[in-house]
Amino acid sequence: MGPAKIVRMVATAAAVVFAFWEFEWAGLILAILGLGIGYFVEAERRTLYLVTVVVLATAGVTGALGDIPTLGDYIEKIFNNVSSILNAGALVVIGTGIYEKVME
């Protein structure tokens, strides 16, 4: 199990845990995990990653999952946390792409 997989597993667990338990440093922890995830995105998967970020951010805004009885709010919070993680990773993916183009 490599470091990329470990970071993804910890980020997923954090997204779920912070949906049920809120505290003031949760956003910072999610952002740091997202930066780690973005670092490990392979060059050939960057476009797919960025499209996923846009779609997930758009879906999270609609709030459609919140209408599901009992669990809807938690599912929505989990997806919003995942979106936060992936958005932070997108900054690294974009920065890496710019760096590689400049260094060509």
N, C-alpha and C. Protein backbone atom coordinates (compact mmCIF):
# COMPACT_ATOMS: atom_id res chain seq x y z
N MET A 1 0.85 -1.17 0.00
CA MET A 1 0.00 0.00 0.00
C MET A 1 0.89 1.24 0.00
N GLY A 2 0.75 2.05 -1.03
CA GLY A 2 1.59 3.22 -1.19
C GLY A 2 1.03 4.44 -0.47
N PRO A 3 1.81 5.50 -0.44
CA PRO A 3 1.36 6.71 0.25
C PRO A 3 0.12 7.35 -0.37
N ALA A 4 -0.03 7.23 -1.69
CA ALA A 4 -1.21 7.81 -2.34
C ALA A 4 -2.48 7.14 -1.84
N LYS A 5 -2.45 5.83 -1.72
CA LYS A 5 -3.63 5.10 -1.26
C LYS A 5 -3.92 5.41 0.21
N ILE A 6 -2.90 5.56 1.00
CA ILE A 6 -3.08 5.89 2.42
C ILE A 6 -3.73 7.26 2.56
N VAL A 7 -3.24 8.24 1.80
CA VAL A 7 -3.82 9.58 1.87
C VAL A 7 -5.27 9.56 1.43
N ARG A 8 -5.59 8.82 0.37
CA ARG A 8 -6.98 8.72 -0.09
C ARG A 8 -7.87 8.07 0.96
N MET A 9 -7.38 7.04 1.61
CA MET A 9 -8.17 6.36 2.64
C MET A 9 -8.41 7.27 3.85
N VAL A 10 -7.37 7.97 4.29
CA VAL A 10 -7.51 8.88 5.43
C VAL A 10 -8.46 10.02 5.07
N ALA A 11 -8.36 10.54 3.85
CA ALA A 11 -9.25 11.64 3.43
C ALA A 11 -10.70 11.18 3.38
N THR A 12 -10.93 9.99 2.88
CA THR A 12 -12.30 9.47 2.83
C THR A 12 -12.85 9.28 4.23
N ALA A 13 -12.04 8.73 5.11
CA ALA A 13 -12.47 8.55 6.50
C ALA A 13 -12.76 9.90 7.16
N ALA A 14 -11.91 10.88 6.90
CA ALA A 14 -12.11 12.21 7.48
C ALA A 14 -13.40 12.84 6.95
N ALA A 15 -13.69 12.66 5.68
CA ALA A 15 -14.92 13.22 5.10
C ALA A 15 -16.15 12.64 5.79
N VAL A 16 -16.11 11.36 6.09
CA VAL A 16 -17.25 10.72 6.76
C VAL A 16 -17.32 11.15 8.22
N VAL A 17 -16.20 11.11 8.92
CA VAL A 17 -16.19 11.46 10.34
C VAL A 17 -16.63 12.91 10.56
N PHE A 18 -16.14 13.82 9.73
CA PHE A 18 -16.47 15.23 9.91
C PHE A 18 -17.90 15.56 9.48
N ALA A 19 -18.58 14.63 8.82
CA ALA A 19 -19.99 14.83 8.53
C ALA A 19 -20.83 14.65 9.80
N PHE A 20 -20.34 13.82 10.71
CA PHE A 20 -21.06 13.54 11.94
C PHE A 20 -20.54 14.35 13.13
N TRP A 21 -19.28 14.76 13.05
CA TRP A 21 -18.62 15.44 14.16
C TRP A 21 -17.94 16.70 13.63
N GLU A 22 -18.45 17.85 14.02
CA GLU A 22 -17.92 19.11 13.53
C GLU A 22 -17.03 19.75 14.59
N PHE A 23 -15.89 20.25 14.15
CA PHE A 23 -15.06 21.07 15.01
C PHE A 23 -14.31 22.06 14.15
N GLU A 24 -13.72 23.06 14.79
CA GLU A 24 -13.22 24.22 14.05
C GLU A 24 -12.06 23.94 13.11
N TRP A 25 -11.31 22.88 13.30
CA TRP A 25 -10.15 22.59 12.46
C TRP A 25 -10.46 21.60 11.33
N ALA A 26 -11.69 21.19 11.21
CA ALA A 26 -12.05 20.19 10.20
C ALA A 26 -11.74 20.68 8.79
N GLY A 27 -12.06 21.93 8.49
CA GLY A 27 -11.80 22.46 7.15
C GLY A 27 -10.33 22.47 6.80
N LEU A 28 -9.49 22.83 7.78
CA LEU A 28 -8.05 22.83 7.55
C LEU A 28 -7.53 21.42 7.30
N ILE A 29 -8.01 20.47 8.07
CA ILE A 29 -7.57 19.08 7.90
C ILE A 29 -8.00 18.56 6.53
N LEU A 30 -9.22 18.86 6.12
CA LEU A 30 -9.70 18.42 4.80
C LEU A 30 -8.87 19.06 3.69
N ALA A 31 -8.53 20.33 3.85
CA ALA A 31 -7.72 21.01 2.83
C ALA A 31 -6.33 20.40 2.72
N ILE A 32 -5.70 20.11 3.84
CA ILE A 32 -4.37 19.51 3.82
C ILE A 32 -4.40 18.13 3.18
N LEU A 33 -5.41 17.35 3.52
CA LEU A 33 -5.55 16.03 2.89
C LEU A 33 -5.79 16.18 1.38
N GLY A 34 -6.56 17.18 0.99
CA GLY A 34 -6.80 17.43 -0.43
C GLY A 34 -5.52 17.80 -1.17
N LEU A 35 -4.67 18.59 -0.54
CA LEU A 35 -3.39 18.94 -1.17
C LEU A 35 -2.56 17.68 -1.37
N GLY A 36 -2.59 16.78 -0.40
CA GLY A 36 -1.87 15.51 -0.55
C GLY A 36 -2.43 14.66 -1.67
N ILE A 37 -3.74 14.62 -1.79
CA ILE A 37 -4.35 13.85 -2.87
C ILE A 37 -3.97 14.44 -4.23
N GLY A 38 -4.02 15.75 -4.34
CA GLY A 38 -3.67 16.40 -5.60
C GLY A 38 -2.24 16.13 -6.02
N TYR A 39 -1.36 15.99 -5.06
CA TYR A 39 0.05 15.72 -5.35
C TYR A 39 0.23 14.37 -6.04
N PHE A 40 -0.62 13.40 -5.69
CA PHE A 40 -0.47 12.05 -6.21
C PHE A 40 -1.28 11.76 -7.47
N VAL A 41 -1.94 12.76 -8.05
CA VAL A 41 -2.71 12.54 -9.28
C VAL A 41 -1.74 12.41 -10.45
N GLU A 42 -1.86 11.31 -11.19
CA GLU A 42 -0.98 11.07 -12.33
C GLU A 42 -1.34 12.02 -13.48
N ALA A 43 -0.37 12.28 -14.32
CA ALA A 43 -0.55 13.23 -15.42
C ALA A 43 -1.70 12.82 -16.35
N GLU A 44 -1.83 11.55 -16.63
CA GLU A 44 -2.87 11.11 -17.56
C GLU A 44 -4.27 11.13 -16.94
N ARG A 45 -4.38 11.34 -15.64
CA ARG A 45 -5.69 11.37 -14.97
C ARG A 45 -6.10 12.77 -14.52
N ARG A 46 -5.33 13.77 -14.87
CA ARG A 46 -5.61 15.13 -14.39
C ARG A 46 -6.91 15.68 -14.95
N THR A 47 -7.18 15.46 -16.21
CA THR A 47 -8.41 15.98 -16.80
C THR A 47 -9.64 15.35 -16.14
N LEU A 48 -9.61 14.05 -15.98
CA LEU A 48 -10.71 13.35 -15.31
C LEU A 48 -10.89 13.88 -13.88
N TYR A 49 -9.79 14.10 -13.18
CA TYR A 49 -9.84 14.62 -11.82
C TYR A 49 -10.53 15.99 -11.80
N LEU A 50 -10.13 16.89 -12.69
CA LEU A 50 -10.69 18.23 -12.70
C LEU A 50 -12.17 18.23 -13.10
N VAL A 51 -12.56 17.37 -14.01
CA VAL A 51 -13.97 17.25 -14.37
C VAL A 51 -14.76 16.74 -13.17
N THR A 52 -14.21 15.78 -12.45
CA THR A 52 -14.87 15.26 -11.25
C THR A 52 -15.06 16.36 -10.21
N VAL A 53 -14.05 17.20 -10.05
CA VAL A 53 -14.14 18.31 -9.09
C VAL A 53 -15.29 19.25 -9.46
N VAL A 54 -15.38 19.60 -10.73
CA VAL A 54 -16.42 20.53 -11.17
C VAL A 54 -17.81 19.91 -10.98
N VAL A 55 -17.97 18.66 -11.37
CA VAL A 55 -19.28 18.00 -11.25
C VAL A 55 -19.67 17.85 -9.78
N LEU A 56 -18.74 17.44 -8.94
CA LEU A 56 -19.05 17.24 -7.53
C LEU A 56 -19.37 18.57 -6.84
N ALA A 57 -18.65 19.62 -7.20
CA ALA A 57 -18.94 20.93 -6.62
C ALA A 57 -20.33 21.42 -7.05
N THR A 58 -20.68 21.17 -8.29
CA THR A 58 -22.00 21.57 -8.79
C THR A 58 -23.10 20.76 -8.14
N ALA A 59 -22.90 19.47 -8.00
CA ALA A 59 -23.91 18.61 -7.39
C ALA A 59 -24.11 18.95 -5.91
N GLY A 60 -23.03 19.33 -5.24
CA GLY A 60 -23.14 19.67 -3.83
C GLY A 60 -23.94 20.93 -3.59
N VAL A 61 -23.93 21.83 -4.55
CA VAL A 61 -24.64 23.10 -4.41
C VAL A 61 -26.15 22.88 -4.48
N THR A 62 -26.59 21.89 -5.24
CA THR A 62 -28.02 21.71 -5.45
C THR A 62 -28.75 21.29 -4.18
N GLY A 63 -28.11 20.52 -3.32
CA GLY A 63 -28.73 20.11 -2.07
C GLY A 63 -29.84 19.08 -2.24
N ALA A 64 -29.83 18.36 -3.34
CA ALA A 64 -30.90 17.39 -3.62
C ALA A 64 -30.89 16.22 -2.64
N LEU A 65 -29.72 15.87 -2.13
CA LEU A 65 -29.64 14.72 -1.24
C LEU A 65 -30.20 15.01 0.15
N GLY A 66 -30.30 16.27 0.49
CA GLY A 66 -30.82 16.64 1.80
C GLY A 66 -32.28 16.27 2.00
N ASP A 67 -33.00 15.99 0.93
CA ASP A 67 -34.41 15.63 1.02
C ASP A 67 -34.65 14.18 1.41
N ILE A 68 -33.61 13.38 1.42
CA ILE A 68 -33.76 11.98 1.81
C ILE A 68 -34.00 11.93 3.32
N PRO A 69 -35.04 11.26 3.77
CA PRO A 69 -35.35 11.24 5.21
C PRO A 69 -34.21 10.64 6.03
N THR A 70 -33.96 11.19 7.16
CA THR A 70 -33.02 10.77 8.19
C THR A 70 -31.56 10.88 7.77
N LEU A 71 -31.14 10.26 6.69
CA LEU A 71 -29.73 10.21 6.31
C LEU A 71 -29.32 11.28 5.31
N GLY A 72 -30.27 11.96 4.72
CA GLY A 72 -29.97 12.90 3.64
C GLY A 72 -28.99 13.98 4.02
N ASP A 73 -29.17 14.56 5.19
CA ASP A 73 -28.26 15.63 5.61
C ASP A 73 -26.84 15.11 5.79
N TYR A 74 -26.69 13.92 6.32
CA TYR A 74 -25.35 13.36 6.52
C TYR A 74 -24.69 13.00 5.19
N ILE A 75 -25.48 12.44 4.28
CA ILE A 75 -24.93 12.10 2.95
C ILE A 75 -24.49 13.38 2.24
N GLU A 76 -25.30 14.42 2.37
CA GLU A 76 -24.94 15.69 1.75
C GLU A 76 -23.66 16.27 2.36
N LYS A 77 -23.52 16.17 3.67
CA LYS A 77 -22.32 16.66 4.34
C LYS A 77 -21.08 15.87 3.90
N ILE A 78 -21.24 14.55 3.75
CA ILE A 78 -20.11 13.72 3.30
C ILE A 78 -19.67 14.17 1.91
N PHE A 79 -20.62 14.33 0.99
CA PHE A 79 -20.26 14.75 -0.36
C PHE A 79 -19.68 16.16 -0.39
N ASN A 80 -20.18 17.04 0.46
CA ASN A 80 -19.59 18.37 0.54
C ASN A 80 -18.17 18.32 1.07
N ASN A 81 -17.90 17.43 2.04
CA ASN A 81 -16.54 17.27 2.54
C ASN A 81 -15.61 16.70 1.47
N VAL A 82 -16.10 15.72 0.73
CA VAL A 82 -15.31 15.16 -0.37
C VAL A 82 -15.04 16.24 -1.42
N SER A 83 -16.04 17.07 -1.68
CA SER A 83 -15.85 18.16 -2.63
C SER A 83 -14.79 19.13 -2.14
N SER A 84 -14.78 19.42 -0.86
CA SER A 84 -13.75 20.32 -0.30
C SER A 84 -12.36 19.72 -0.46
N ILE A 85 -12.25 18.44 -0.20
CA ILE A 85 -10.96 17.75 -0.34
C ILE A 85 -10.49 17.81 -1.79
N LEU A 86 -11.37 17.46 -2.72
CA LEU A 86 -10.98 17.44 -4.13
C LEU A 86 -10.70 18.84 -4.67
N ASN A 87 -11.41 19.85 -4.16
CA ASN A 87 -11.13 21.23 -4.59
C ASN A 87 -9.73 21.65 -4.19
N ALA A 88 -9.31 21.30 -2.99
CA ALA A 88 -7.95 21.61 -2.57
C ALA A 88 -6.94 20.87 -3.43
N GLY A 89 -7.23 19.61 -3.76
CA GLY A 89 -6.35 18.84 -4.63
C GLY A 89 -6.27 19.42 -6.03
N ALA A 90 -7.37 20.02 -6.48
CA ALA A 90 -7.38 20.63 -7.82
C ALA A 90 -6.37 21.76 -7.92
N LEU A 91 -6.16 22.48 -6.83
CA LEU A 91 -5.16 23.55 -6.84
C LEU A 91 -3.77 22.99 -7.11
N VAL A 92 -3.47 21.85 -6.51
CA VAL A 92 -2.16 21.23 -6.73
C VAL A 92 -2.07 20.70 -8.15
N VAL A 93 -3.14 20.09 -8.64
CA VAL A 93 -3.14 19.55 -10.01
C VAL A 93 -2.92 20.68 -11.02
N ILE A 94 -3.62 21.78 -10.84
CA ILE A 94 -3.46 22.91 -11.75
C ILE A 94 -2.06 23.51 -11.63
N GLY A 95 -1.59 23.66 -10.41
CA GLY A 95 -0.24 24.19 -10.20
C GLY A 95 0.83 23.30 -10.80
N THR A 96 0.67 21.99 -10.67
CA THR A 96 1.63 21.06 -11.25
C THR A 96 1.61 21.15 -12.77
N GLY A 97 0.42 21.25 -13.35
CA GLY A 97 0.33 21.39 -14.80
C GLY A 97 1.01 22.67 -15.30
N ILE A 98 0.80 23.76 -14.58
CA ILE A 98 1.44 25.01 -14.97
C ILE A 98 2.95 24.88 -14.83
N TYR A 99 3.41 24.29 -13.76
CA TYR A 99 4.85 24.12 -13.54
C TYR A 99 5.48 23.30 -14.66
N GLU A 100 4.81 22.20 -15.04
CA GLU A 100 5.35 21.35 -16.10
C GLU A 100 5.37 22.08 -17.44
N LYS A 101 4.37 22.89 -17.73
CA LYS A 101 4.37 23.65 -19.00
C LYS A 101 5.47 24.69 -19.01
N VAL A 102 5.70 25.34 -17.89
CA VAL A 102 6.74 26.37 -17.83
C VAL A 102 8.12 25.74 -17.96
N MET A 103 8.31 24.57 -17.41
CA MET A 103 9.62 23.93 -17.40
C MET A 103 9.92 23.14 -18.66
N GLU A 104 9.00 23.09 -19.64
CA GLU A 104 9.24 22.37 -20.89
C GLU A 104 10.35 23.02 -21.68
